[in-house]
Amino acid sequence: MKIVTISVVRNEADIIEALVRFHAPWVDRMLMIDHASADATPAILERLRQEGLPVAITRSDAAGFVQGAMTTEAMQRAARDADWIVPLDADEFLHAPGGDVRSVLQRCSEDAVVRFPWRTYVPRAADDAAEANVLKRIRHRRCLEEPQYFKIAIPGKIARSKRAVVEQGAHQLKRWARGDRGRFPVRTEEGLRLAHFPVRSGPQMMTKALVGWLSMLAKPDRGPTETYHWKGLYDRFVESQTVDARELSELALRYASTDEAVWKRQTLVEDAVPLSDGGFELRYTAGEPGALVPILARQAEGFATALAELRRNGGGKLFRRRKS
């Protein structure tokens, strides 16, 4: 059985090495699409590839965050010889409590998309700030996931369908064809869990919010509520560029949730992601993301380049001043 993961990553230097080393023991190939990173992410991925880990790297300089389209294209390539395809964000760690992921997928029917629940992990002031490995540093998660989000594993049999389209965020697989815009069969696999670490440090969150929301605004087909939580974070960090440990925890407790009643009932439970054989050593991770100003400067440069290209290709009329 061949398992391929697909990840669209951007400025994830603090976590990308952990992502690769955690999944490499049971994954046959990890397709990494570097979306115009301006930090050490590309260099870390290249060193991991040179080390012999199953990493394949491509680069995208698209201005907008078209994650769904990039993942769909990569899925179609991978589906030629893959039995299972698993889209993973850089902050997501798939595991099987009491077993292993490969064995769980092996017993799953290839006639349905498999989905598994998100578990959101929350940093605390008591966490060891000197520990670079997020899986060892952040050991507590939310007890409530309301709404409950899921991620998916796609059988190669279904991925080879020309009608299969991965939605933004890789939470669902659409069936897209003329007169047929439904879903593929889906079953929930309780033997799998996805540990999600969206909030890890103040600098990481500022980078995520500021770069992420600008990229979403540049996405031509962005839905009105798509990644709404990034907009709120963007406004928060434009107002103030500082965040303390208490607020960092609160951001994780509220991440992708709008129900204040849930926030008030939310508590933490210790549930560290299991690491086999004592875990792994991080060789290339400094623990913090790159400096924010250079990253934003590269983002602005990319937008300016995309705008110039649009105008060269006939879109300039959209930006000309009207004569009075």
Protein backbone atom coordinates (compact mmCIF):
# COMPACT_ATOMS: atom_id res chain seq x y z
CA MET A 1 0.00 0.00 0.00
CA LYS A 2 1.37 3.42 -0.98
CA ILE A 3 0.48 6.51 1.07
CA VAL A 4 1.20 10.04 -0.18
CA THR A 5 0.71 13.25 1.80
CA ILE A 6 0.24 16.67 0.20
CA SER A 7 1.06 19.89 2.04
CA VAL A 8 0.85 23.50 0.85
CA VAL A 9 3.18 25.31 3.24
CA ARG A 10 4.22 28.92 3.74
CA ASN A 11 6.59 30.38 6.32
CA GLU A 12 6.44 27.33 8.61
CA ALA A 13 10.09 27.16 9.70
CA ASP A 14 9.16 26.57 13.35
CA ILE A 15 7.16 23.37 12.63
CA ILE A 16 7.94 22.01 9.14
CA GLU A 17 10.76 19.72 10.30
CA ALA A 18 8.54 18.18 12.99
CA LEU A 19 5.82 17.61 10.37
CA VAL A 20 8.20 15.68 8.10
CA ARG A 21 9.95 13.64 10.79
CA PHE A 22 6.69 12.68 12.49
CA HIS A 23 5.02 11.33 9.34
CA ALA A 24 8.04 9.97 7.44
CA PRO A 25 8.06 6.53 9.16
CA TRP A 26 4.71 5.51 7.63
CA VAL A 27 4.43 7.72 4.53
CA ASP A 28 5.88 6.68 1.17
CA ARG A 29 6.08 10.19 -0.25
CA MET A 30 5.48 13.70 1.09
CA LEU A 31 4.62 16.24 -1.61
CA MET A 32 5.55 19.68 -0.30
CA ILE A 33 4.28 22.71 -2.23
CA ASP A 34 6.21 25.70 -0.92
CA HIS A 35 3.90 28.67 -1.40
CA ALA A 36 6.38 31.56 -1.71
CA SER A 37 7.92 31.14 1.74
CA ALA A 38 10.24 33.98 2.77
CA ASP A 39 11.66 32.27 5.87
CA ALA A 40 13.83 29.15 6.31
CA THR A 41 11.08 26.72 5.23
CA PRO A 42 12.55 25.97 1.76
CA ALA A 43 16.05 25.43 3.17
CA ILE A 44 14.79 23.08 5.89
CA LEU A 45 12.79 21.04 3.39
CA GLU A 46 15.79 20.74 1.10
CA ARG A 47 18.02 19.54 3.95
CA LEU A 48 15.41 16.95 4.92
CA ARG A 49 15.25 15.76 1.32
CA GLN A 50 19.04 15.50 1.15
CA GLU A 51 18.95 13.52 4.37
CA GLY A 52 16.96 10.85 2.53
CA LEU A 53 13.49 11.50 3.93
CA PRO A 54 10.63 10.96 1.41
CA VAL A 55 10.18 14.65 0.58
CA ALA A 56 9.43 16.02 -2.91
CA ILE A 57 9.44 19.83 -3.17
CA THR A 58 7.78 22.16 -5.67
CA ARG A 59 7.42 25.93 -5.53
CA SER A 60 4.43 28.16 -6.19
CA ASP A 61 4.65 31.95 -6.33
CA ALA A 62 0.90 32.49 -6.73
CA ALA A 63 -0.18 35.72 -5.05
CA GLY A 64 -3.47 34.32 -3.76
CA PHE A 65 -3.91 31.44 -1.34
CA VAL A 66 -5.37 28.92 -3.79
CA GLN A 67 -4.69 25.94 -1.56
CA GLY A 68 -7.60 23.89 -2.88
CA ALA A 69 -6.51 24.20 -6.51
CA MET A 70 -2.86 23.42 -5.71
CA THR A 71 -3.83 20.40 -3.61
CA THR A 72 -6.21 19.11 -6.29
CA GLU A 73 -3.52 19.32 -8.96
CA ALA A 74 -1.01 17.51 -6.73
CA MET A 75 -3.62 14.88 -5.84
CA GLN A 76 -4.25 14.15 -9.51
CA ARG A 77 -0.53 13.60 -10.07
CA ALA A 78 -0.13 11.45 -6.98
CA ALA A 79 -3.23 9.37 -7.75
CA ARG A 80 -1.47 7.64 -10.66
CA ASP A 81 0.19 5.19 -8.28
CA ALA A 82 -1.02 6.04 -4.74
CA ASP A 83 -3.48 3.95 -2.73
CA TRP A 84 -4.22 6.75 -0.24
CA ILE A 85 -3.66 10.50 -0.45
CA VAL A 86 -3.71 12.57 2.74
CA PRO A 87 -3.73 16.40 2.54
CA LEU A 88 -1.98 17.83 5.60
CA ASP A 89 -1.34 21.41 6.65
CA ALA A 90 2.04 22.11 8.22
CA ASP A 91 0.44 22.31 11.67
CA GLU A 92 -1.42 18.97 11.45
CA PHE A 93 -0.20 15.62 12.77
CA LEU A 94 -2.15 12.48 11.90
CA HIS A 95 -1.92 9.60 14.34
CA ALA A 96 -3.82 6.50 15.44
CA PRO A 97 -4.17 6.19 19.23
CA GLY A 98 -3.27 2.66 20.19
CA GLY A 99 -2.16 1.69 16.70
CA ASP A 100 -0.62 3.03 13.50
CA VAL A 101 -2.08 5.02 10.64
CA ARG A 102 -0.97 2.64 7.90
CA SER A 103 -2.81 -0.29 9.48
CA VAL A 104 -5.97 1.76 9.96
CA LEU A 105 -6.03 2.93 6.34
CA GLN A 106 -5.27 -0.58 5.11
CA ARG A 107 -8.53 -1.86 6.57
CA CYS A 108 -10.60 1.05 5.20
CA SER A 109 -12.75 0.62 2.11
CA GLU A 110 -11.40 2.35 -0.98
CA ASP A 111 -14.95 3.17 -2.07
CA ALA A 112 -15.31 6.11 0.33
CA VAL A 113 -13.38 9.15 1.48
CA VAL A 114 -12.24 8.70 5.09
CA ARG A 115 -12.59 11.59 7.50
CA PHE A 116 -11.14 12.02 10.97
CA PRO A 117 -11.64 14.69 13.65
CA TRP A 118 -9.51 17.73 14.44
CA ARG A 119 -8.14 18.11 17.94
CA THR A 120 -6.89 21.64 18.58
CA TYR A 121 -3.86 22.02 20.86
CA VAL A 122 -3.37 25.05 23.07
CA PRO A 123 -0.12 26.65 24.29
CA ARG A 124 0.11 27.51 27.98
CA ALA A 125 2.32 29.85 29.96
CA ALA A 126 3.69 26.79 31.80
CA ASP A 127 4.96 25.18 28.58
CA ASP A 128 8.73 24.91 28.17
CA ALA A 129 9.54 27.81 25.83
CA ALA A 130 13.02 26.38 25.22
CA GLU A 131 11.60 23.20 23.66
CA ALA A 132 11.63 23.63 19.85
CA ASN A 133 9.60 20.49 19.14
CA VAL A 134 5.96 21.58 19.22
CA LEU A 135 4.80 18.02 19.97
CA LYS A 136 6.81 17.98 23.17
CA ARG A 137 6.17 21.61 24.12
CA ILE A 138 2.38 21.84 23.65
CA ARG A 139 0.72 18.88 25.35
CA HIS A 140 -2.80 20.13 26.11
CA ARG A 141 -5.82 20.32 23.82
CA ARG A 142 -9.33 21.72 23.91
CA CYS A 143 -11.87 19.40 25.50
CA LEU A 144 -14.60 20.73 23.18
CA GLU A 145 -14.49 20.96 19.39
CA GLU A 146 -17.69 22.81 18.58
CA PRO A 147 -18.10 22.92 15.66
CA GLN A 148 -16.24 19.68 15.03
CA TYR A 149 -14.00 19.99 11.99
CA PHE A 150 -12.67 17.03 10.05
CA LYS A 151 -9.84 16.38 7.59
CA ILE A 152 -9.79 13.65 4.98
CA ALA A 153 -7.85 10.78 3.45
CA ILE A 154 -8.68 10.10 -0.19
CA PRO A 155 -8.49 6.64 -1.77
CA GLY A 156 -6.44 6.62 -4.97
CA LYS A 157 -9.41 4.99 -6.68
CA ILE A 158 -11.53 8.10 -6.03
CA ALA A 159 -8.68 10.59 -6.51
CA ARG A 160 -8.21 9.30 -10.07
CA SER A 161 -11.69 10.56 -10.94
CA LYS A 162 -11.45 13.71 -13.04
CA ARG A 163 -14.42 15.03 -11.06
CA ALA A 164 -12.62 14.99 -7.69
CA VAL A 165 -11.80 18.47 -6.34
CA VAL A 166 -10.26 19.16 -2.93
CA GLU A 167 -11.95 22.05 -1.19
CA GLN A 168 -9.98 24.89 0.38
CA GLY A 169 -8.63 23.64 3.69
CA ALA A 170 -8.95 20.00 2.54
CA HIS A 171 -11.94 19.37 4.79
CA GLN A 172 -14.03 17.84 2.01
CA LEU A 173 -13.77 16.36 -1.47
CA LYS A 174 -16.23 17.73 -4.01
CA ARG A 175 -17.61 15.91 -7.02
CA TRP A 176 -17.39 18.50 -9.80
CA ALA A 177 -18.88 17.96 -13.24
CA ARG A 178 -21.55 19.48 -15.43
CA GLY A 179 -24.86 18.96 -13.68
CA ASP A 180 -23.20 17.06 -10.81
CA ARG A 181 -21.82 19.06 -7.87
CA GLY A 182 -22.20 16.66 -5.00
CA ARG A 183 -19.94 14.78 -2.61
CA PHE A 184 -18.22 11.47 -2.76
CA PRO A 185 -19.21 8.83 -0.18
CA VAL A 186 -17.66 9.61 3.21
CA ARG A 187 -17.14 7.53 6.33
CA THR A 188 -15.76 8.64 9.69
CA GLU A 189 -12.78 6.69 10.99
CA GLU A 190 -12.73 6.83 14.78
CA GLY A 191 -9.33 5.14 14.89
CA LEU A 192 -7.60 8.25 13.50
CA ARG A 193 -6.98 11.64 15.09
CA LEU A 194 -5.55 14.86 13.70
CA ALA A 195 -3.60 16.91 16.22
CA HIS A 196 -3.82 20.55 15.13
CA PHE A 197 -1.35 23.23 16.32
CA PRO A 198 -2.54 26.50 14.73
CA VAL A 199 -1.26 28.72 17.57
CA ARG A 200 2.33 28.20 18.70
CA SER A 201 3.91 31.58 19.52
CA GLY A 202 3.27 35.30 19.21
CA PRO A 203 5.58 35.85 16.19
CA GLN A 204 4.16 32.76 14.46
CA MET A 205 0.59 33.98 14.92
CA MET A 206 1.38 37.46 13.62
CA THR A 207 3.01 35.98 10.52
CA LYS A 208 0.08 33.60 10.01
CA ALA A 209 -2.55 36.30 10.37
CA LEU A 210 -0.93 39.13 8.42
CA VAL A 211 0.44 37.09 5.51
CA GLY A 212 -2.49 34.65 5.50
CA TRP A 213 -5.27 37.20 5.28
CA LEU A 214 -3.54 39.23 2.55
CA SER A 215 -3.13 36.02 0.54
CA MET A 216 -6.81 35.20 1.02
CA LEU A 217 -7.82 38.65 -0.25
CA ALA A 218 -5.82 37.93 -3.42
CA LYS A 219 -7.79 34.70 -4.03
CA PRO A 220 -10.20 35.49 -6.90
CA ASP A 221 -12.96 33.06 -5.87
CA ARG A 222 -12.80 33.60 -2.11
CA GLY A 223 -16.10 32.90 -0.40
CA PRO A 224 -17.61 35.58 1.90
CA THR A 225 -16.93 33.55 5.08
CA GLU A 226 -13.81 31.69 3.95
CA THR A 227 -11.11 31.70 6.66
CA TYR A 228 -13.09 34.37 8.50
CA HIS A 229 -10.95 33.79 11.61
CA TRP A 230 -7.87 35.11 9.76
CA LYS A 231 -9.59 38.47 9.23
CA GLY A 232 -10.22 38.87 12.95
CA LEU A 233 -6.62 37.97 13.75
CA TYR A 234 -5.36 40.31 11.05
CA ASP A 235 -7.26 43.25 12.57
CA ARG A 236 -6.01 42.28 16.03
CA PHE A 237 -2.34 42.32 15.01
CA VAL A 238 -2.61 45.47 12.90
CA GLU A 239 -3.88 47.18 16.05
CA SER A 240 -1.14 45.78 18.30
CA GLN A 241 1.96 43.72 17.54
CA THR A 242 2.34 42.28 21.03
CA VAL A 243 0.67 39.23 22.57
CA ASP A 244 1.23 37.69 25.99
CA ALA A 245 0.99 34.03 27.02
CA ARG A 246 -2.55 34.40 28.35
CA GLU A 247 -3.89 35.87 25.12
CA LEU A 248 -1.98 33.28 23.06
CA SER A 249 -3.84 30.54 24.92
CA GLU A 250 -7.14 32.34 24.39
CA LEU A 251 -6.49 32.63 20.64
CA ALA A 252 -6.05 28.85 20.46
CA LEU A 253 -9.14 28.23 22.60
CA ARG A 254 -11.22 30.36 20.22
CA TYR A 255 -9.54 29.33 16.95
CA ALA A 256 -12.07 28.71 14.14
CA SER A 257 -14.97 28.95 16.60
CA THR A 258 -17.56 31.73 16.85
CA ASP A 259 -19.77 30.43 19.67
CA GLU A 260 -19.09 32.38 22.85
CA ALA A 261 -21.03 29.84 24.92
CA VAL A 262 -18.52 27.19 23.85
CA TRP A 263 -15.58 29.42 24.82
CA LYS A 264 -16.99 29.84 28.32
CA ARG A 265 -17.30 26.06 28.76
CA GLN A 266 -13.92 25.31 27.21
CA THR A 267 -11.28 23.59 29.34
CA LEU A 268 -7.99 21.89 28.60
CA VAL A 269 -7.09 18.23 28.83
CA GLU A 270 -3.54 16.87 28.75
CA ASP A 271 -3.26 14.57 25.75
CA ALA A 272 0.25 14.69 24.30
CA VAL A 273 0.64 13.37 20.76
CA PRO A 274 2.36 9.96 21.09
CA LEU A 275 5.93 9.76 19.85
CA SER A 276 7.34 6.30 19.13
CA ASP A 277 10.81 5.27 20.30
CA GLY A 278 11.30 8.46 22.29
CA GLY A 279 10.48 10.77 19.41
CA PHE A 280 12.88 12.39 16.97
CA GLU A 281 15.66 14.95 17.02
CA LEU A 282 15.18 18.33 15.36
CA ARG A 283 18.35 19.30 13.51
CA TYR A 284 17.40 22.41 11.57
CA THR A 285 14.68 24.15 13.59
CA ALA A 286 15.43 27.32 15.54
CA GLY A 287 12.06 27.33 17.29
CA GLU A 288 10.77 30.69 16.07
CA PRO A 289 9.61 31.86 12.62
CA GLY A 290 11.63 34.32 10.57
CA ALA A 291 11.47 38.07 11.14
CA LEU A 292 8.09 39.48 10.21
CA VAL A 293 9.20 42.56 8.22
CA PRO A 294 11.22 40.63 5.58
CA ILE A 295 8.36 38.14 5.21
CA LEU A 296 5.81 40.92 4.67
CA ALA A 297 8.20 42.68 2.28
CA ARG A 298 8.42 39.54 0.15
CA GLN A 299 4.63 39.26 0.25
CA ALA A 300 4.27 42.85 -0.99
CA GLU A 301 6.85 42.20 -3.70
CA GLY A 302 4.83 39.18 -4.88
CA PHE A 303 1.61 41.21 -5.03
CA ALA A 304 3.32 44.01 -6.97
CA THR A 305 4.73 41.51 -9.46
CA ALA A 306 1.30 39.87 -9.89
CA LEU A 307 -0.32 43.28 -10.43
CA ALA A 308 2.25 44.22 -13.09
CA GLU A 309 1.69 40.88 -14.84
CA LEU A 310 -2.07 41.43 -14.79
CA ARG A 311 -1.69 44.86 -16.37
CA ARG A 312 0.66 43.52 -19.04
CA ASN A 313 -1.93 40.90 -19.93
CA GLY A 314 -4.75 43.36 -20.44
CA GLY A 315 -6.02 43.81 -16.91
CA GLY A 316 -4.57 47.30 -16.66
CA LYS A 317 -7.90 48.90 -17.56
CA LEU A 318 -9.14 47.82 -14.13
CA PHE A 319 -6.67 50.18 -12.49
CA ARG A 320 -6.64 53.23 -14.80
CA ARG A 321 -8.00 56.47 -13.39
CA ARG A 322 -11.24 57.59 -14.91
CA LYS A 323 -11.20 60.91 -16.76
CA SER A 324 -13.21 63.57 -15.03
